[in-house]
Amino acid sequence: SEMINFFDKVKEKINKKINPENIILIDNSHLHTKHKSFDSNKFHLKIIIKSKKLRSMSKIEAHKEIFSLLKDEMNNKIHALEIEIN
């Protein structure tokens, strides 16, 4: 499905640049269907990343890194992005 391909692409980008020990993508879009701004073509994503590299950065820097990595996706496919770093 389109969602699976999209998730794979996101994972691949993060793996390439950050090479985390583990990465989990959670689609929380269904929690937001009632919102006025809801757009079924865009995802509410939660990314859980286990990464020594990101842990060694400040939270803001680590988040910035991920946001810049997914800039195109943020413009096109991602409505909201929640990041958890372990």
PDB file of N, CA and C in Angstrom:
ATOM      1  N   SER A   1       0.834  -1.201   0.000  1.00  0.00           N
ATOM      2  CA  SER A   1       0.000   0.000   0.000  1.00  0.00           C
ATOM      3  C   SER A   1       0.862   1.241   0.000  1.00  0.00           C
ATOM      4  N   GLU A   2       0.252   2.345  -0.289  1.00  0.00           N
ATOM      5  CA  GLU A   2       1.001   3.598  -0.349  1.00  0.00           C
ATOM      6  C   GLU A   2       1.618   3.925   1.006  1.00  0.00           C
ATOM      7  N   MET A   3       0.863   3.644   2.064  1.00  0.00           N
ATOM      8  CA  MET A   3       1.343   3.945   3.400  1.00  0.00           C
ATOM      9  C   MET A   3       2.615   3.160   3.719  1.00  0.00           C
ATOM     10  N   ILE A   4       2.599   1.869   3.370  1.00  0.00           N
ATOM     11  CA  ILE A   4       3.760   1.025   3.650  1.00  0.00           C
ATOM     12  C   ILE A   4       4.987   1.548   2.901  1.00  0.00           C
ATOM     13  N   ASN A   5       4.811   1.875   1.634  1.00  0.00           N
ATOM     14  CA  ASN A   5       5.930   2.393   0.852  1.00  0.00           C
ATOM     15  C   ASN A   5       6.456   3.686   1.452  1.00  0.00           C
ATOM     16  N   PHE A   6       5.538   4.523   1.878  1.00  0.00           N
ATOM     17  CA  PHE A   6       5.910   5.803   2.465  1.00  0.00           C
ATOM     18  C   PHE A   6       6.702   5.581   3.761  1.00  0.00           C
ATOM     19  N   PHE A   7       6.217   4.675   4.593  1.00  0.00           N
ATOM     20  CA  PHE A   7       6.913   4.378   5.847  1.00  0.00           C
ATOM     21  C   PHE A   7       8.311   3.834   5.572  1.00  0.00           C
ATOM     22  N   ASP A   8       8.408   2.965   4.571  1.00  0.00           N
ATOM     23  CA  ASP A   8       9.711   2.401   4.213  1.00  0.00           C
ATOM     24  C   ASP A   8      10.676   3.500   3.792  1.00  0.00           C
ATOM     25  N   LYS A   9      10.159   4.456   3.043  1.00  0.00           N
ATOM     26  CA  LYS A   9      10.997   5.551   2.557  1.00  0.00           C
ATOM     27  C   LYS A   9      11.510   6.404   3.719  1.00  0.00           C
ATOM     28  N   VAL A  10      10.606   6.676   4.649  1.00  0.00           N
ATOM     29  CA  VAL A  10      10.980   7.455   5.828  1.00  0.00           C
ATOM     30  C   VAL A  10      12.050   6.712   6.630  1.00  0.00           C
ATOM     31  N   LYS A  11      11.822   5.424   6.842  1.00  0.00           N
ATOM     32  CA  LYS A  11      12.789   4.610   7.591  1.00  0.00           C
ATOM     33  C   LYS A  11      14.145   4.591   6.892  1.00  0.00           C
ATOM     34  N   GLU A  12      14.103   4.420   5.591  1.00  0.00           N
ATOM     35  CA  GLU A  12      15.325   4.339   4.807  1.00  0.00           C
ATOM     36  C   GLU A  12      16.131   5.630   4.940  1.00  0.00           C
ATOM     37  N   LYS A  13      15.443   6.760   4.853  1.00  0.00           N
ATOM     38  CA  LYS A  13      16.116   8.054   4.989  1.00  0.00           C
ATOM     39  C   LYS A  13      16.798   8.189   6.344  1.00  0.00           C
ATOM     40  N   ILE A  14      16.066   7.824   7.380  1.00  0.00           N
ATOM     41  CA  ILE A  14      16.611   7.951   8.730  1.00  0.00           C
ATOM     42  C   ILE A  14      17.757   6.964   8.939  1.00  0.00           C
ATOM     43  N   ASN A  15      17.572   5.745   8.442  1.00  0.00           N
ATOM     44  CA  ASN A  15      18.632   4.742   8.573  1.00  0.00           C
ATOM     45  C   ASN A  15      19.913   5.186   7.889  1.00  0.00           C
ATOM     46  N   LYS A  16      19.760   5.766   6.704  1.00  0.00           N
ATOM     47  CA  LYS A  16      20.918   6.187   5.929  1.00  0.00           C
ATOM     48  C   LYS A  16      21.710   7.267   6.647  1.00  0.00           C
ATOM     49  N   LYS A  17      20.973   8.225   7.195  1.00  0.00           N
ATOM     50  CA  LYS A  17      21.632   9.408   7.754  1.00  0.00           C
ATOM     51  C   LYS A  17      22.016   9.209   9.220  1.00  0.00           C
ATOM     52  N   ILE A  18      21.180   8.506   9.965  1.00  0.00           N
ATOM     53  CA  ILE A  18      21.364   8.444  11.411  1.00  0.00           C
ATOM     54  C   ILE A  18      21.788   7.058  11.878  1.00  0.00           C
ATOM     55  N   ASN A  19      21.420   6.050  11.101  1.00  0.00           N
ATOM     56  CA  ASN A  19      21.773   4.667  11.420  1.00  0.00           C
ATOM     57  C   ASN A  19      21.435   4.299  12.871  1.00  0.00           C
ATOM     58  N   PRO A  20      20.165   4.432  13.245  1.00  0.00           N
ATOM     59  CA  PRO A  20      19.778   4.153  14.633  1.00  0.00           C
ATOM     60  C   PRO A  20      19.789   2.660  14.940  1.00  0.00           C
ATOM     61  N   GLU A  21      19.821   2.336  16.219  1.00  0.00           N
ATOM     62  CA  GLU A  21      19.754   0.929  16.605  1.00  0.00           C
ATOM     63  C   GLU A  21      18.362   0.382  16.301  1.00  0.00           C
ATOM     64  N   ASN A  22      17.378   1.242  16.432  1.00  0.00           N
ATOM     65  CA  ASN A  22      16.009   0.796  16.183  1.00  0.00           C
ATOM     66  C   ASN A  22      15.138   1.985  15.814  1.00  0.00           C
ATOM     67  N   ILE A  23      14.125   1.719  15.005  1.00  0.00           N
ATOM     68  CA  ILE A  23      13.208   2.787  14.613  1.00  0.00           C
ATOM     69  C   ILE A  23      11.801   2.217  14.465  1.00  0.00           C
ATOM     70  N   ILE A  24      10.861   2.904  15.071  1.00  0.00           N
ATOM     71  CA  ILE A  24       9.466   2.468  15.001  1.00  0.00           C
ATOM     72  C   ILE A  24       8.624   3.632  14.506  1.00  0.00           C
ATOM     73  N   LEU A  25       7.805   3.378  13.496  1.00  0.00           N
ATOM     74  CA  LEU A  25       6.884   4.400  13.002  1.00  0.00           C
ATOM     75  C   LEU A  25       5.475   4.018  13.409  1.00  0.00           C
ATOM     76  N   ILE A  26       4.774   4.970  13.980  1.00  0.00           N
ATOM     77  CA  ILE A  26       3.394   4.718  14.386  1.00  0.00           C
ATOM     78  C   ILE A  26       2.500   5.737  13.683  1.00  0.00           C
ATOM     79  N   ASP A  27       1.481   5.223  13.023  1.00  0.00           N
ATOM     80  CA  ASP A  27       0.522   6.101  12.348  1.00  0.00           C
ATOM     81  C   ASP A  27      -0.623   6.411  13.304  1.00  0.00           C
ATOM     82  N   ASN A  28      -0.650   7.638  13.798  1.00  0.00           N
ATOM     83  CA  ASN A  28      -1.707   8.053  14.726  1.00  0.00           C
ATOM     84  C   ASN A  28      -2.823   8.825  14.025  1.00  0.00           C
ATOM     85  N   SER A  29      -2.879   8.743  12.716  1.00  0.00           N
ATOM     86  CA  SER A  29      -3.844   9.541  11.954  1.00  0.00           C
ATOM     87  C   SER A  29      -5.275   9.301  12.420  1.00  0.00           C
ATOM     88  N   HIS A  30      -5.585   8.053  12.763  1.00  0.00           N
ATOM     89  CA  HIS A  30      -6.962   7.726  13.145  1.00  0.00           C
ATOM     90  C   HIS A  30      -7.405   8.475  14.395  1.00  0.00           C
ATOM     91  N   LEU A  31      -6.438   8.936  15.199  1.00  0.00           N
ATOM     92  CA  LEU A  31      -6.790   9.668  16.416  1.00  0.00           C
ATOM     93  C   LEU A  31      -7.257  11.088  16.105  1.00  0.00           C
ATOM     94  N   HIS A  32      -7.018  11.513  14.855  1.00  0.00           N
ATOM     95  CA  HIS A  32      -7.237  12.915  14.530  1.00  0.00           C
ATOM     96  C   HIS A  32      -8.307  13.144  13.473  1.00  0.00           C
ATOM     97  N   THR A  33      -9.086  12.113  13.180  1.00  0.00           N
ATOM     98  CA  THR A  33     -10.059  12.234  12.088  1.00  0.00           C
ATOM     99  C   THR A  33     -11.117  13.294  12.385  1.00  0.00           C
ATOM    100  N   LYS A  34     -11.306  13.618  13.648  1.00  0.00           N
ATOM    101  CA  LYS A  34     -12.348  14.587  14.000  1.00  0.00           C
ATOM    102  C   LYS A  34     -11.857  16.042  13.869  1.00  0.00           C
ATOM    103  N   HIS A  35     -10.557  16.205  13.777  1.00  0.00           N
ATOM    104  CA  HIS A  35     -10.004  17.557  13.719  1.00  0.00           C
ATOM    105  C   HIS A  35     -10.455  18.281  12.456  1.00  0.00           C
ATOM    106  N   LYS A  36     -10.675  19.551  12.589  1.00  0.00           N
ATOM    107  CA  LYS A  36     -11.088  20.359  11.429  1.00  0.00           C
ATOM    108  C   LYS A  36     -10.052  20.308  10.321  1.00  0.00           C
ATOM    109  N   SER A  37      -8.783  20.304  10.717  1.00  0.00           N
ATOM    110  CA  SER A  37      -7.714  20.356   9.716  1.00  0.00           C
ATOM    111  C   SER A  37      -7.372  18.968   9.180  1.00  0.00           C
ATOM    112  N   PHE A  38      -8.166  17.970   9.554  1.00  0.00           N
ATOM    113  CA  PHE A  38      -7.829  16.603   9.138  1.00  0.00           C
ATOM    114  C   PHE A  38      -7.780  16.476   7.626  1.00  0.00           C
ATOM    115  N   ASP A  39      -6.715  15.862   7.154  1.00  0.00           N
ATOM    116  CA  ASP A  39      -6.528  15.632   5.727  1.00  0.00           C
ATOM    117  C   ASP A  39      -6.160  14.164   5.565  1.00  0.00           C
ATOM    118  N   SER A  40      -7.024  13.405   4.937  1.00  0.00           N
ATOM    119  CA  SER A  40      -6.800  11.956   4.859  1.00  0.00           C
ATOM    120  C   SER A  40      -5.579  11.605   4.013  1.00  0.00           C
ATOM    121  N   ASN A  41      -5.043  12.582   3.283  1.00  0.00           N
ATOM    122  CA  ASN A  41      -3.849  12.311   2.487  1.00  0.00           C
ATOM    123  C   ASN A  41      -2.568  12.549   3.262  1.00  0.00           C
ATOM    124  N   LYS A  42      -2.704  13.022   4.487  1.00  0.00           N
ATOM    125  CA  LYS A  42      -1.511  13.294   5.274  1.00  0.00           C
ATOM    126  C   LYS A  42      -1.536  12.487   6.564  1.00  0.00           C
ATOM    127  N   PHE A  43      -0.359  12.156   7.018  1.00  0.00           N
ATOM    128  CA  PHE A  43      -0.231  11.308   8.195  1.00  0.00           C
ATOM    129  C   PHE A  43       0.080  12.105   9.459  1.00  0.00           C
ATOM    130  N   HIS A  44      -0.457  11.628  10.563  1.00  0.00           N
ATOM    131  CA  HIS A  44       0.020  12.038  11.881  1.00  0.00           C
ATOM    132  C   HIS A  44       0.974  10.931  12.301  1.00  0.00           C
ATOM    133  N   LEU A  45       2.237  11.237  12.333  1.00  0.00           N
ATOM    134  CA  LEU A  45       3.223  10.209  12.581  1.00  0.00           C
ATOM    135  C   LEU A  45       3.887  10.366  13.925  1.00  0.00           C
ATOM    136  N   LYS A  46       4.156   9.245  14.536  1.00  0.00           N
ATOM    137  CA  LYS A  46       5.034   9.232  15.702  1.00  0.00           C
ATOM    138  C   LYS A  46       6.226   8.367  15.342  1.00  0.00           C
ATOM    139  N   ILE A  47       7.407   8.903  15.564  1.00  0.00           N
ATOM    140  CA  ILE A  47       8.622   8.153  15.285  1.00  0.00           C
ATOM    141  C   ILE A  47       9.336   7.909  16.605  1.00  0.00           C
ATOM    142  N   ILE A  48       9.610   6.657  16.879  1.00  0.00           N
ATOM    143  CA  ILE A  48      10.377   6.315  18.071  1.00  0.00           C
ATOM    144  C   ILE A  48      11.730   5.799  17.590  1.00  0.00           C
ATOM    145  N   ILE A  49      12.760   6.513  17.957  1.00  0.00           N
ATOM    146  CA  ILE A  49      14.092   6.174  17.475  1.00  0.00           C
ATOM    147  C   ILE A  49      15.004   5.852  18.643  1.00  0.00           C
ATOM    148  N   LYS A  50      15.655   4.715  18.540  1.00  0.00           N
ATOM    149  CA  LYS A  50      16.692   4.388  19.506  1.00  0.00           C
ATOM    150  C   LYS A  50      18.020   4.662  18.826  1.00  0.00           C
ATOM    151  N   SER A  51      18.706   5.694  19.299  1.00  0.00           N
ATOM    152  CA  SER A  51      19.918   6.104  18.608  1.00  0.00           C
ATOM    153  C   SER A  51      20.897   6.770  19.558  1.00  0.00           C
ATOM    154  N   LYS A  52      22.078   6.194  19.619  1.00  0.00           N
ATOM    155  CA  LYS A  52      23.146   6.777  20.432  1.00  0.00           C
ATOM    156  C   LYS A  52      23.481   8.166  19.915  1.00  0.00           C
ATOM    157  N   LYS A  53      23.543   8.266  18.596  1.00  0.00           N
ATOM    158  CA  LYS A  53      23.912   9.538  17.972  1.00  0.00           C
ATOM    159  C   LYS A  53      22.938  10.645  18.387  1.00  0.00           C
ATOM    160  N   LEU A  54      21.637  10.357  18.294  1.00  0.00           N
ATOM    161  CA  LEU A  54      20.649  11.379  18.636  1.00  0.00           C
ATOM    162  C   LEU A  54      20.621  11.649  20.136  1.00  0.00           C
ATOM    163  N   ARG A  55      20.859  10.607  20.932  1.00  0.00           N
ATOM    164  CA  ARG A  55      20.874  10.796  22.387  1.00  0.00           C
ATOM    165  C   ARG A  55      22.012  11.714  22.813  1.00  0.00           C
ATOM    166  N   SER A  56      23.089  11.694  22.038  1.00  0.00           N
ATOM    167  CA  SER A  56      24.247  12.510  22.403  1.00  0.00           C
ATOM    168  C   SER A  56      24.049  13.988  22.036  1.00  0.00           C
ATOM    169  N   MET A  57      23.006  14.276  21.277  1.00  0.00           N
ATOM    170  CA  MET A  57      22.699  15.659  20.891  1.00  0.00           C
ATOM    171  C   MET A  57      21.658  16.222  21.851  1.00  0.00           C
ATOM    172  N   SER A  58      21.513  17.538  21.831  1.00  0.00           N
ATOM    173  CA  SER A  58      20.405  18.112  22.596  1.00  0.00           C
ATOM    174  C   SER A  58      19.111  17.718  21.900  1.00  0.00           C
ATOM    175  N   LYS A  59      18.025  17.729  22.655  1.00  0.00           N
ATOM    176  CA  LYS A  59      16.738  17.312  22.101  1.00  0.00           C
ATOM    177  C   LYS A  59      16.378  18.162  20.888  1.00  0.00           C
ATOM    178  N   ILE A  60      16.619  19.467  21.007  1.00  0.00           N
ATOM    179  CA  ILE A  60      16.288  20.380  19.902  1.00  0.00           C
ATOM    180  C   ILE A  60      17.111  20.046  18.663  1.00  0.00           C
ATOM    181  N   GLU A  61      18.390  19.817  18.838  1.00  0.00           N
ATOM    182  CA  GLU A  61      19.253  19.475  17.702  1.00  0.00           C
ATOM    183  C   GLU A  61      18.819  18.161  17.054  1.00  0.00           C
ATOM    184  N   ALA A  62      18.509  17.193  17.893  1.00  0.00           N
ATOM    185  CA  ALA A  62      18.101  15.879  17.385  1.00  0.00           C
ATOM    186  C   ALA A  62      16.803  15.992  16.587  1.00  0.00           C
ATOM    187  N   HIS A  63      15.860  16.757  17.120  1.00  0.00           N
ATOM    188  CA  HIS A  63      14.581  16.946  16.425  1.00  0.00           C
ATOM    189  C   HIS A  63      14.800  17.696  15.121  1.00  0.00           C
ATOM    190  N   LYS A  64      15.648  18.697  15.166  1.00  0.00           N
ATOM    191  CA  LYS A  64      15.954  19.482  13.964  1.00  0.00           C
ATOM    192  C   LYS A  64      16.527  18.584  12.876  1.00  0.00           C
ATOM    193  N   GLU A  65      17.405  17.705  13.289  1.00  0.00           N
ATOM    194  CA  GLU A  65      18.032  16.758  12.371  1.00  0.00           C
ATOM    195  C   GLU A  65      16.974  15.937  11.642  1.00  0.00           C
ATOM    196  N   ILE A  66      16.017  15.433  12.382  1.00  0.00           N
ATOM    197  CA  ILE A  66      14.979  14.591  11.793  1.00  0.00           C
ATOM    198  C   ILE A  66      14.035  15.412  10.914  1.00  0.00           C
ATOM    199  N   PHE A  67      13.666  16.590  11.405  1.00  0.00           N
ATOM    200  CA  PHE A  67      12.778  17.436  10.604  1.00  0.00           C
ATOM    201  C   PHE A  67      13.424  17.826   9.274  1.00  0.00           C
ATOM    202  N   SER A  68      14.712  18.147   9.312  1.00  0.00           N
ATOM    203  CA  SER A  68      15.366  18.540   8.060  1.00  0.00           C
ATOM    204  C   SER A  68      15.487  17.355   7.120  1.00  0.00           C
ATOM    205  N   LEU A  69      15.659  16.180   7.697  1.00  0.00           N
ATOM    206  CA  LEU A  69      15.750  14.943   6.923  1.00  0.00           C
ATOM    207  C   LEU A  69      14.435  14.659   6.191  1.00  0.00           C
ATOM    208  N   LEU A  70      13.332  14.976   6.854  1.00  0.00           N
ATOM    209  CA  LEU A  70      12.007  14.641   6.323  1.00  0.00           C
ATOM    210  C   LEU A  70      11.271  15.875   5.795  1.00  0.00           C
ATOM    211  N   LYS A  71      12.030  16.873   5.401  1.00  0.00           N
ATOM    212  CA  LYS A  71      11.452  18.136   4.947  1.00  0.00           C
ATOM    213  C   LYS A  71      10.422  17.940   3.836  1.00  0.00           C
ATOM    214  N   ASP A  72      10.791  17.174   2.822  1.00  0.00           N
ATOM    215  CA  ASP A  72       9.875  16.941   1.695  1.00  0.00           C
ATOM    216  C   ASP A  72       8.599  16.255   2.162  1.00  0.00           C
ATOM    217  N   GLU A  73       8.778  15.238   2.999  1.00  0.00           N
ATOM    218  CA  GLU A  73       7.622  14.505   3.501  1.00  0.00           C
ATOM    219  C   GLU A  73       6.727  15.409   4.345  1.00  0.00           C
ATOM    220  N   MET A  74       7.367  16.288   5.136  1.00  0.00           N
ATOM    221  CA  MET A  74       6.596  17.210   5.973  1.00  0.00           C
ATOM    222  C   MET A  74       5.750  18.135   5.101  1.00  0.00           C
ATOM    223  N   ASN A  75       6.287  18.488   3.955  1.00  0.00           N
ATOM    224  CA  ASN A  75       5.539  19.376   3.051  1.00  0.00           C
ATOM    225  C   ASN A  75       4.403  18.659   2.342  1.00  0.00           C
ATOM    226  N   ASN A  76       4.577  17.363   2.113  1.00  0.00           N
ATOM    227  CA  ASN A  76       3.621  16.644   1.262  1.00  0.00           C
ATOM    228  C   ASN A  76       2.737  15.632   1.982  1.00  0.00           C
ATOM    229  N   LYS A  77       3.348  14.845   2.842  1.00  0.00           N
ATOM    230  CA  LYS A  77       2.627  13.677   3.358  1.00  0.00           C
ATOM    231  C   LYS A  77       2.421  13.676   4.867  1.00  0.00           C
ATOM    232  N   ILE A  78       3.185  14.481   5.575  1.00  0.00           N
ATOM    233  CA  ILE A  78       3.094  14.425   7.034  1.00  0.00           C
ATOM    234  C   ILE A  78       2.428  15.699   7.550  1.00  0.00           C
ATOM    235  N   HIS A  79       1.350  15.517   8.267  1.00  0.00           N
ATOM    236  CA  HIS A  79       0.654  16.652   8.840  1.00  0.00           C
ATOM    237  C   HIS A  79       1.258  17.019  10.190  1.00  0.00           C
ATOM    238  N   ALA A  80       1.547  16.007  10.979  1.00  0.00           N
ATOM    239  CA  ALA A  80       2.138  16.236  12.292  1.00  0.00           C
ATOM    240  C   ALA A  80       3.135  15.123  12.592  1.00  0.00           C
ATOM    241  N   LEU A  81       4.207  15.521  13.252  1.00  0.00           N
ATOM    242  CA  LEU A  81       5.273  14.560  13.534  1.00  0.00           C
ATOM    243  C   LEU A  81       5.659  14.657  14.997  1.00  0.00           C
ATOM    244  N   GLU A  82       5.557  13.528  15.672  1.00  0.00           N
ATOM    245  CA  GLU A  82       5.961  13.448  17.075  1.00  0.00           C
ATOM    246  C   GLU A  82       7.197  12.577  17.118  1.00  0.00           C
ATOM    247  N   ILE A  83       8.200  13.036  17.842  1.00  0.00           N
ATOM    248  CA  ILE A  83       9.468  12.304  17.869  1.00  0.00           C
ATOM    249  C   ILE A  83       9.809  11.908  19.302  1.00  0.00           C
ATOM    250  N   GLU A  84      10.139  10.661  19.463  1.00  0.00           N
ATOM    251  CA  GLU A  84      10.592  10.175  20.771  1.00  0.00           C
ATOM    252  C   GLU A  84      11.962   9.546  20.570  1.00  0.00           C
ATOM    253  N   ILE A  85      12.918   9.985  21.357  1.00  0.00           N
ATOM    254  CA  ILE A  85      14.271   9.469  21.208  1.00  0.00           C
ATOM    255  C   ILE A  85      14.644   8.685  22.460  1.00  0.00           C
ATOM    256  N   ASN A  86      15.085   7.463  22.254  1.00  0.00           N
ATOM    257  CA  ASN A  86      15.487   6.610  23.377  1.00  0.00           C
ATOM    258  C   ASN A  86      16.976   6.297  23.304  1.00  0.00           C
TER     259      ASN A  86
END
